[in-house]
Amino acid sequence: MASYALIKFKINNDFSEWEQAFYVAQPMARKAGIIELFHGMTEDDPQTCFVLAHVPSKEAMDKFFENAGEEVAKSGHILESTEVTMLTN
């Protein structure tokens, strides 16, 4: 069974600025087993973003955010706005 995380959050900067930092963090995420499948913003609010990722487990994703939280926040991601929905198939 595969695990996925749908992550919704707010950013405090421009989407393109956030996206550049997001790409820089991808090697660290992949090392944690987190593979991004999609990222984008809502059409009516460019400060609301989503990431869909294949993850080894919720625990692995939580550990990644614990370890990389400071870097994630530097991207413009407002950590306290983060909502995670775990999905399986």
PDB file of N, CA and C in Angstrom:
ATOM      1  N   MET A   1       0.836  -1.173   0.000  1.00  0.00           N
ATOM      2  CA  MET A   1       0.000   0.000   0.000  1.00  0.00           C
ATOM      3  C   MET A   1       0.888   1.246   0.000  1.00  0.00           C
ATOM      4  N   ALA A   2       0.560   2.195  -0.847  1.00  0.00           N
ATOM      5  CA  ALA A   2       1.332   3.431  -0.947  1.00  0.00           C
ATOM      6  C   ALA A   2       0.728   4.510  -0.056  1.00  0.00           C
ATOM      7  N   SER A   3       1.583   5.374   0.475  1.00  0.00           N
ATOM      8  CA  SER A   3       1.146   6.496   1.301  1.00  0.00           C
ATOM      9  C   SER A   3       1.467   7.807   0.603  1.00  0.00           C
ATOM     10  N   TYR A   4       0.536   8.712   0.696  1.00  0.00           N
ATOM     11  CA  TYR A   4       0.683  10.035   0.103  1.00  0.00           C
ATOM     12  C   TYR A   4       0.295  11.073   1.144  1.00  0.00           C
ATOM     13  N   ALA A   5       0.852  12.264   0.996  1.00  0.00           N
ATOM     14  CA  ALA A   5       0.490  13.380   1.866  1.00  0.00           C
ATOM     15  C   ALA A   5       0.045  14.535   0.982  1.00  0.00           C
ATOM     16  N   LEU A   6      -1.143  15.047   1.249  1.00  0.00           N
ATOM     17  CA  LEU A   6      -1.625  16.260   0.610  1.00  0.00           C
ATOM     18  C   LEU A   6      -1.429  17.367   1.635  1.00  0.00           C
ATOM     19  N   ILE A   7      -0.525  18.293   1.327  1.00  0.00           N
ATOM     20  CA  ILE A   7      -0.125  19.323   2.276  1.00  0.00           C
ATOM     21  C   ILE A   7      -0.645  20.668   1.781  1.00  0.00           C
ATOM     22  N   LYS A   8      -1.459  21.309   2.590  1.00  0.00           N
ATOM     23  CA  LYS A   8      -2.008  22.631   2.279  1.00  0.00           C
ATOM     24  C   LYS A   8      -1.382  23.619   3.254  1.00  0.00           C
ATOM     25  N   PHE A   9      -0.970  24.785   2.742  1.00  0.00           N
ATOM     26  CA  PHE A   9      -0.336  25.773   3.605  1.00  0.00           C
ATOM     27  C   PHE A   9      -0.379  27.150   2.958  1.00  0.00           C
ATOM     28  N   LYS A  10      -0.086  28.147   3.743  1.00  0.00           N
ATOM     29  CA  LYS A  10      -0.004  29.535   3.286  1.00  0.00           C
ATOM     30  C   LYS A  10       1.463  29.916   3.144  1.00  0.00           C
ATOM     31  N   ILE A  11       1.725  30.865   2.257  1.00  0.00           N
ATOM     32  CA  ILE A  11       3.061  31.429   2.116  1.00  0.00           C
ATOM     33  C   ILE A  11       2.978  32.935   2.347  1.00  0.00           C
ATOM     34  N   ASN A  12       4.104  33.516   2.757  1.00  0.00           N
ATOM     35  CA  ASN A  12       4.120  34.954   3.030  1.00  0.00           C
ATOM     36  C   ASN A  12       4.927  35.722   1.984  1.00  0.00           C
ATOM     37  N   ASN A  13       5.147  35.089   0.829  1.00  0.00           N
ATOM     38  CA  ASN A  13       5.880  35.737  -0.254  1.00  0.00           C
ATOM     39  C   ASN A  13       5.241  35.362  -1.579  1.00  0.00           C
ATOM     40  N   ASP A  14       5.892  35.664  -2.657  1.00  0.00           N
ATOM     41  CA  ASP A  14       5.416  35.354  -4.003  1.00  0.00           C
ATOM     42  C   ASP A  14       5.592  33.856  -4.278  1.00  0.00           C
ATOM     43  N   PHE A  15       4.668  33.262  -5.032  1.00  0.00           N
ATOM     44  CA  PHE A  15       4.739  31.830  -5.319  1.00  0.00           C
ATOM     45  C   PHE A  15       6.055  31.452  -5.986  1.00  0.00           C
ATOM     46  N   SER A  16       6.524  32.265  -6.926  1.00  0.00           N
ATOM     47  CA  SER A  16       7.774  31.920  -7.618  1.00  0.00           C
ATOM     48  C   SER A  16       8.964  31.937  -6.664  1.00  0.00           C
ATOM     49  N   GLU A  17       8.960  32.834  -5.675  1.00  0.00           N
ATOM     50  CA  GLU A  17      10.023  32.843  -4.663  1.00  0.00           C
ATOM     51  C   GLU A  17       9.961  31.575  -3.819  1.00  0.00           C
ATOM     52  N   TRP A  18       8.740  31.217  -3.397  1.00  0.00           N
ATOM     53  CA  TRP A  18       8.573  29.993  -2.614  1.00  0.00           C
ATOM     54  C   TRP A  18       9.019  28.781  -3.432  1.00  0.00           C
ATOM     55  N   GLU A  19       8.614  28.747  -4.698  1.00  0.00           N
ATOM     56  CA  GLU A  19       8.908  27.599  -5.553  1.00  0.00           C
ATOM     57  C   GLU A  19      10.420  27.399  -5.735  1.00  0.00           C
ATOM     58  N   GLN A  20      11.175  28.474  -5.875  1.00  0.00           N
ATOM     59  CA  GLN A  20      12.630  28.358  -6.002  1.00  0.00           C
ATOM     60  C   GLN A  20      13.229  27.688  -4.764  1.00  0.00           C
ATOM     61  N   ALA A  21      12.794  28.120  -3.581  1.00  0.00           N
ATOM     62  CA  ALA A  21      13.288  27.510  -2.336  1.00  0.00           C
ATOM     63  C   ALA A  21      12.827  26.058  -2.221  1.00  0.00           C
ATOM     64  N   PHE A  22      11.614  25.773  -2.690  1.00  0.00           N
ATOM     65  CA  PHE A  22      11.080  24.414  -2.675  1.00  0.00           C
ATOM     66  C   PHE A  22      11.984  23.494  -3.495  1.00  0.00           C
ATOM     67  N   TYR A  23      12.378  23.934  -4.676  1.00  0.00           N
ATOM     68  CA  TYR A  23      13.261  23.124  -5.516  1.00  0.00           C
ATOM     69  C   TYR A  23      14.612  22.874  -4.849  1.00  0.00           C
ATOM     70  N   VAL A  24      15.135  23.859  -4.163  1.00  0.00           N
ATOM     71  CA  VAL A  24      16.413  23.709  -3.464  1.00  0.00           C
ATOM     72  C   VAL A  24      16.311  22.627  -2.386  1.00  0.00           C
ATOM     73  N   ALA A  25      15.141  22.517  -1.745  1.00  0.00           N
ATOM     74  CA  ALA A  25      14.948  21.547  -0.656  1.00  0.00           C
ATOM     75  C   ALA A  25      14.659  20.127  -1.150  1.00  0.00           C
ATOM     76  N   GLN A  26      14.440  19.949  -2.437  1.00  0.00           N
ATOM     77  CA  GLN A  26      14.065  18.623  -2.943  1.00  0.00           C
ATOM     78  C   GLN A  26      15.085  17.525  -2.671  1.00  0.00           C
ATOM     79  N   PRO A  27      16.382  17.760  -2.805  1.00  0.00           N
ATOM     80  CA  PRO A  27      17.327  16.674  -2.483  1.00  0.00           C
ATOM     81  C   PRO A  27      17.204  16.202  -1.028  1.00  0.00           C
ATOM     82  N   MET A  28      16.981  17.123  -0.102  1.00  0.00           N
ATOM     83  CA  MET A  28      16.815  16.757   1.308  1.00  0.00           C
ATOM     84  C   MET A  28      15.524  15.947   1.491  1.00  0.00           C
ATOM     85  N   ALA A  29      14.464  16.343   0.802  1.00  0.00           N
ATOM     86  CA  ALA A  29      13.200  15.616   0.901  1.00  0.00           C
ATOM     87  C   ALA A  29      13.344  14.211   0.312  1.00  0.00           C
ATOM     88  N   ARG A  30      13.978  14.106  -0.828  1.00  0.00           N
ATOM     89  CA  ARG A  30      14.164  12.789  -1.461  1.00  0.00           C
ATOM     90  C   ARG A  30      15.000  11.867  -0.580  1.00  0.00           C
ATOM     91  N   LYS A  31      15.983  12.440   0.082  1.00  0.00           N
ATOM     92  CA  LYS A  31      16.809  11.643   0.998  1.00  0.00           C
ATOM     93  C   LYS A  31      15.945  11.064   2.127  1.00  0.00           C
ATOM     94  N   ALA A  32      14.882  11.777   2.503  1.00  0.00           N
ATOM     95  CA  ALA A  32      13.957  11.310   3.534  1.00  0.00           C
ATOM     96  C   ALA A  32      12.878  10.398   2.953  1.00  0.00           C
ATOM     97  N   GLY A  33      12.948  10.135   1.633  1.00  0.00           N
ATOM     98  CA  GLY A  33      11.972   9.256   0.996  1.00  0.00           C
ATOM     99  C   GLY A  33      10.710   9.965   0.551  1.00  0.00           C
ATOM    100  N   ILE A  34      10.718  11.287   0.534  1.00  0.00           N
ATOM    101  CA  ILE A  34       9.548  12.077   0.162  1.00  0.00           C
ATOM    102  C   ILE A  34       9.712  12.530  -1.284  1.00  0.00           C
ATOM    103  N   ILE A  35       8.795  12.083  -2.134  1.00  0.00           N
ATOM    104  CA  ILE A  35       8.866  12.383  -3.561  1.00  0.00           C
ATOM    105  C   ILE A  35       7.675  13.255  -3.935  1.00  0.00           C
ATOM    106  N   GLU A  36       7.957  14.479  -4.353  1.00  0.00           N
ATOM    107  CA  GLU A  36       6.903  15.410  -4.735  1.00  0.00           C
ATOM    108  C   GLU A  36       6.287  14.971  -6.056  1.00  0.00           C
ATOM    109  N   LEU A  37       4.948  14.943  -6.107  1.00  0.00           N
ATOM    110  CA  LEU A  37       4.225  14.592  -7.324  1.00  0.00           C
ATOM    111  C   LEU A  37       3.591  15.816  -7.968  1.00  0.00           C
ATOM    112  N   PHE A  38       3.233  16.797  -7.148  1.00  0.00           N
ATOM    113  CA  PHE A  38       2.577  18.012  -7.633  1.00  0.00           C
ATOM    114  C   PHE A  38       2.775  19.115  -6.612  1.00  0.00           C
ATOM    115  N   HIS A  39       2.926  20.326  -7.082  1.00  0.00           N
ATOM    116  CA  HIS A  39       2.855  21.497  -6.222  1.00  0.00           C
ATOM    117  C   HIS A  39       2.213  22.626  -7.017  1.00  0.00           C
ATOM    118  N   GLY A  40       1.450  23.444  -6.324  1.00  0.00           N
ATOM    119  CA  GLY A  40       0.783  24.548  -7.002  1.00  0.00           C
ATOM    120  C   GLY A  40       0.079  25.445  -6.004  1.00  0.00           C
ATOM    121  N   MET A  41      -0.603  26.444  -6.556  1.00  0.00           N
ATOM    122  CA  MET A  41      -1.347  27.398  -5.731  1.00  0.00           C
ATOM    123  C   MET A  41      -2.791  27.407  -6.194  1.00  0.00           C
ATOM    124  N   THR A  42      -3.666  27.896  -5.339  1.00  0.00           N
ATOM    125  CA  THR A  42      -5.057  28.004  -5.743  1.00  0.00           C
ATOM    126  C   THR A  42      -5.213  29.186  -6.697  1.00  0.00           C
ATOM    127  N   GLU A  43      -6.169  29.075  -7.605  1.00  0.00           N
ATOM    128  CA  GLU A  43      -6.374  30.127  -8.601  1.00  0.00           C
ATOM    129  C   GLU A  43      -6.808  31.448  -7.974  1.00  0.00           C
ATOM    130  N   ASP A  44      -7.609  31.371  -6.925  1.00  0.00           N
ATOM    131  CA  ASP A  44      -8.163  32.603  -6.349  1.00  0.00           C
ATOM    132  C   ASP A  44      -7.337  33.176  -5.196  1.00  0.00           C
ATOM    133  N   ASP A  45      -6.305  32.441  -4.738  1.00  0.00           N
ATOM    134  CA  ASP A  45      -5.460  32.935  -3.648  1.00  0.00           C
ATOM    135  C   ASP A  45      -4.043  32.394  -3.838  1.00  0.00           C
ATOM    136  N   PRO A  46      -3.164  33.178  -4.461  1.00  0.00           N
ATOM    137  CA  PRO A  46      -1.807  32.687  -4.714  1.00  0.00           C
ATOM    138  C   PRO A  46      -0.968  32.493  -3.452  1.00  0.00           C
ATOM    139  N   GLN A  47      -1.511  32.835  -2.290  1.00  0.00           N
ATOM    140  CA  GLN A  47      -0.804  32.595  -1.027  1.00  0.00           C
ATOM    141  C   GLN A  47      -1.182  31.235  -0.427  1.00  0.00           C
ATOM    142  N   THR A  48      -2.168  30.550  -1.005  1.00  0.00           N
ATOM    143  CA  THR A  48      -2.552  29.213  -0.548  1.00  0.00           C
ATOM    144  C   THR A  48      -1.976  28.188  -1.510  1.00  0.00           C
ATOM    145  N   CYS A  49      -1.143  27.308  -0.966  1.00  0.00           N
ATOM    146  CA  CYS A  49      -0.420  26.334  -1.792  1.00  0.00           C
ATOM    147  C   CYS A  49      -0.730  24.902  -1.366  1.00  0.00           C
ATOM    148  N   PHE A  50      -0.476  23.995  -2.289  1.00  0.00           N
ATOM    149  CA  PHE A  50      -0.630  22.569  -2.048  1.00  0.00           C
ATOM    150  C   PHE A  50       0.596  21.837  -2.563  1.00  0.00           C
ATOM    151  N   VAL A  51       0.964  20.781  -1.864  1.00  0.00           N
ATOM    152  CA  VAL A  51       1.972  19.836  -2.338  1.00  0.00           C
ATOM    153  C   VAL A  51       1.389  18.446  -2.140  1.00  0.00           C
ATOM    154  N   LEU A  52       1.468  17.631  -3.178  1.00  0.00           N
ATOM    155  CA  LEU A  52       1.104  16.224  -3.075  1.00  0.00           C
ATOM    156  C   LEU A  52       2.397  15.439  -3.200  1.00  0.00           C
ATOM    157  N   ALA A  53       2.669  14.589  -2.211  1.00  0.00           N
ATOM    158  CA  ALA A  53       3.930  13.848  -2.191  1.00  0.00           C
ATOM    159  C   ALA A  53       3.704  12.388  -1.831  1.00  0.00           C
ATOM    160  N   HIS A  54       4.514  11.537  -2.436  1.00  0.00           N
ATOM    161  CA  HIS A  54       4.579  10.130  -2.040  1.00  0.00           C
ATOM    162  C   HIS A  54       5.511  10.102  -0.827  1.00  0.00           C
ATOM    163  N   VAL A  55       5.059   9.498   0.255  1.00  0.00           N
ATOM    164  CA  VAL A  55       5.846   9.470   1.495  1.00  0.00           C
ATOM    165  C   VAL A  55       5.937   8.044   2.021  1.00  0.00           C
ATOM    166  N   PRO A  56       7.048   7.705   2.693  1.00  0.00           N
ATOM    167  CA  PRO A  56       7.166   6.362   3.258  1.00  0.00           C
ATOM    168  C   PRO A  56       6.148   6.131   4.370  1.00  0.00           C
ATOM    169  N   SER A  57       5.850   7.186   5.146  1.00  0.00           N
ATOM    170  CA  SER A  57       4.892   7.107   6.247  1.00  0.00           C
ATOM    171  C   SER A  57       4.655   8.513   6.780  1.00  0.00           C
ATOM    172  N   LYS A  58       3.614   8.653   7.579  1.00  0.00           N
ATOM    173  CA  LYS A  58       3.355   9.943   8.229  1.00  0.00           C
ATOM    174  C   LYS A  58       4.502  10.278   9.177  1.00  0.00           C
ATOM    175  N   GLU A  59       5.024   9.264   9.850  1.00  0.00           N
ATOM    176  CA  GLU A  59       6.125   9.478  10.784  1.00  0.00           C
ATOM    177  C   GLU A  59       7.366  10.023  10.066  1.00  0.00           C
ATOM    178  N   ALA A  60       7.669   9.481   8.889  1.00  0.00           N
ATOM    179  CA  ALA A  60       8.821   9.955   8.115  1.00  0.00           C
ATOM    180  C   ALA A  60       8.615  11.404   7.679  1.00  0.00           C
ATOM    181  N   MET A  61       7.383  11.733   7.283  1.00  0.00           N
ATOM    182  CA  MET A  61       7.100  13.103   6.877  1.00  0.00           C
ATOM    183  C   MET A  61       7.200  14.051   8.069  1.00  0.00           C
ATOM    184  N   ASP A  62       6.658  13.633   9.211  1.00  0.00           N
ATOM    185  CA  ASP A  62       6.747  14.454  10.419  1.00  0.00           C
ATOM    186  C   ASP A  62       8.202  14.692  10.813  1.00  0.00           C
ATOM    187  N   LYS A  63       9.017  13.649  10.713  1.00  0.00           N
ATOM    188  CA  LYS A  63      10.436  13.777  11.055  1.00  0.00           C
ATOM    189  C   LYS A  63      11.133  14.745  10.098  1.00  0.00           C
ATOM    190  N   PHE A  64      10.784  14.673   8.811  1.00  0.00           N
ATOM    191  CA  PHE A  64      11.364  15.608   7.845  1.00  0.00           C
ATOM    192  C   PHE A  64      11.044  17.047   8.247  1.00  0.00           C
ATOM    193  N   PHE A  65       9.780  17.319   8.585  1.00  0.00           N
ATOM    194  CA  PHE A  65       9.402  18.676   8.968  1.00  0.00           C
ATOM    195  C   PHE A  65      10.086  19.103  10.269  1.00  0.00           C
ATOM    196  N   GLU A  66      10.296  18.180  11.190  1.00  0.00           N
ATOM    197  CA  GLU A  66      11.046  18.500  12.416  1.00  0.00           C
ATOM    198  C   GLU A  66      12.476  18.919  12.083  1.00  0.00           C
ATOM    199  N   ASN A  67      13.114  18.151  11.210  1.00  0.00           N
ATOM    200  CA  ASN A  67      14.515  18.399  10.864  1.00  0.00           C
ATOM    201  C   ASN A  67      14.698  19.579   9.913  1.00  0.00           C
ATOM    202  N   ALA A  68      13.742  19.791   9.037  1.00  0.00           N
ATOM    203  CA  ALA A  68      13.888  20.817   8.005  1.00  0.00           C
ATOM    204  C   ALA A  68      12.982  22.022   8.231  1.00  0.00           C
ATOM    205  N   GLY A  69      12.329  22.081   9.375  1.00  0.00           N
ATOM    206  CA  GLY A  69      11.364  23.147   9.635  1.00  0.00           C
ATOM    207  C   GLY A  69      11.909  24.543   9.426  1.00  0.00           C
ATOM    208  N   GLU A  70      13.121  24.781   9.881  1.00  0.00           N
ATOM    209  CA  GLU A  70      13.723  26.112   9.736  1.00  0.00           C
ATOM    210  C   GLU A  70      13.916  26.453   8.253  1.00  0.00           C
ATOM    211  N   GLU A  71      14.408  25.492   7.485  1.00  0.00           N
ATOM    212  CA  GLU A  71      14.600  25.716   6.044  1.00  0.00           C
ATOM    213  C   GLU A  71      13.262  25.902   5.337  1.00  0.00           C
ATOM    214  N   VAL A  72      12.273  25.103   5.722  1.00  0.00           N
ATOM    215  CA  VAL A  72      10.945  25.221   5.121  1.00  0.00           C
ATOM    216  C   VAL A  72      10.379  26.606   5.396  1.00  0.00           C
ATOM    217  N   ALA A  73      10.523  27.092   6.616  1.00  0.00           N
ATOM    218  CA  ALA A  73      10.024  28.425   6.975  1.00  0.00           C
ATOM    219  C   ALA A  73      10.739  29.515   6.178  1.00  0.00           C
ATOM    220  N   LYS A  74      12.021  29.345   5.910  1.00  0.00           N
ATOM    221  CA  LYS A  74      12.777  30.334   5.126  1.00  0.00           C
ATOM    222  C   LYS A  74      12.226  30.471   3.706  1.00  0.00           C
ATOM    223  N   SER A  75      11.562  29.434   3.212  1.00  0.00           N
ATOM    224  CA  SER A  75      11.003  29.470   1.856  1.00  0.00           C
ATOM    225  C   SER A  75       9.802  30.400   1.758  1.00  0.00           C
ATOM    226  N   GLY A  76       9.246  30.794   2.910  1.00  0.00           N
ATOM    227  CA  GLY A  76       8.021  31.588   2.928  1.00  0.00           C
ATOM    228  C   GLY A  76       6.824  30.781   3.394  1.00  0.00           C
ATOM    229  N   HIS A  77       7.014  29.486   3.581  1.00  0.00           N
ATOM    230  CA  HIS A  77       5.967  28.580   4.068  1.00  0.00           C
ATOM    231  C   HIS A  77       5.654  28.950   5.521  1.00  0.00           C
ATOM    232  N   ILE A  78       4.405  29.288   5.796  1.00  0.00           N
ATOM    233  CA  ILE A  78       3.986  29.616   7.155  1.00  0.00           C
ATOM    234  C   ILE A  78       3.651  28.303   7.857  1.00  0.00           C
ATOM    235  N   LEU A  79       4.576  27.825   8.683  1.00  0.00           N
ATOM    236  CA  LEU A  79       4.467  26.481   9.266  1.00  0.00           C
ATOM    237  C   LEU A  79       3.166  26.265  10.028  1.00  0.00           C
ATOM    238  N   GLU A  80       2.730  27.262  10.795  1.00  0.00           N
ATOM    239  CA  GLU A  80       1.519  27.071  11.603  1.00  0.00           C
ATOM    240  C   GLU A  80       0.247  26.991  10.757  1.00  0.00           C
ATOM    241  N   SER A  81       0.329  27.290   9.472  1.00  0.00           N
ATOM    242  CA  SER A  81      -0.842  27.182   8.596  1.00  0.00           C
ATOM    243  C   SER A  81      -0.959  25.802   7.954  1.00  0.00           C
ATOM    244  N   THR A  82       0.019  24.938   8.176  1.00  0.00           N
ATOM    245  CA  THR A  82       0.099  23.655   7.477  1.00  0.00           C
ATOM    246  C   THR A  82      -0.997  22.692   7.919  1.00  0.00           C
ATOM    247  N   GLU A  83      -1.684  22.143   6.909  1.00  0.00           N
ATOM    248  CA  GLU A  83      -2.692  21.098   7.116  1.00  0.00           C
ATOM    249  C   GLU A  83      -2.271  19.901   6.264  1.00  0.00           C
ATOM    250  N   VAL A  84      -2.176  18.727   6.883  1.00  0.00           N
ATOM    251  CA  VAL A  84      -1.734  17.532   6.167  1.00  0.00           C
ATOM    252  C   VAL A  84      -2.875  16.520   6.167  1.00  0.00           C
ATOM    253  N   THR A  85      -3.193  16.015   4.982  1.00  0.00           N
ATOM    254  CA  THR A  85      -4.161  14.923   4.832  1.00  0.00           C
ATOM    255  C   THR A  85      -3.397  13.729   4.299  1.00  0.00           C
ATOM    256  N   MET A  86      -3.409  12.652   5.041  1.00  0.00           N
ATOM    257  CA  MET A  86      -2.737  11.426   4.612  1.00  0.00           C
ATOM    258  C   MET A  86      -3.697  10.614   3.747  1.00  0.00           C
ATOM    259  N   LEU A  87      -3.180  10.070   2.652  1.00  0.00           N
ATOM    260  CA  LEU A  87      -3.963   9.291   1.705  1.00  0.00           C
ATOM    261  C   LEU A  87      -3.265   7.968   1.452  1.00  0.00           C
ATOM    262  N   THR A  88      -4.022   6.911   1.202  1.00  0.00           N
ATOM    263  CA  THR A  88      -3.446   5.618   0.845  1.00  0.00           C
ATOM    264  C   THR A  88      -4.244   5.018  -0.295  1.00  0.00           C
ATOM    265  N   ASN A  89      -3.606   4.072  -0.984  1.00  0.00           N
ATOM    266  CA  ASN A  89      -4.351   3.322  -2.012  1.00  0.00           C
ATOM    267  C   ASN A  89      -3.942   1.881  -1.991  1.00  0.00           C
TER     268      ASN A  89
END
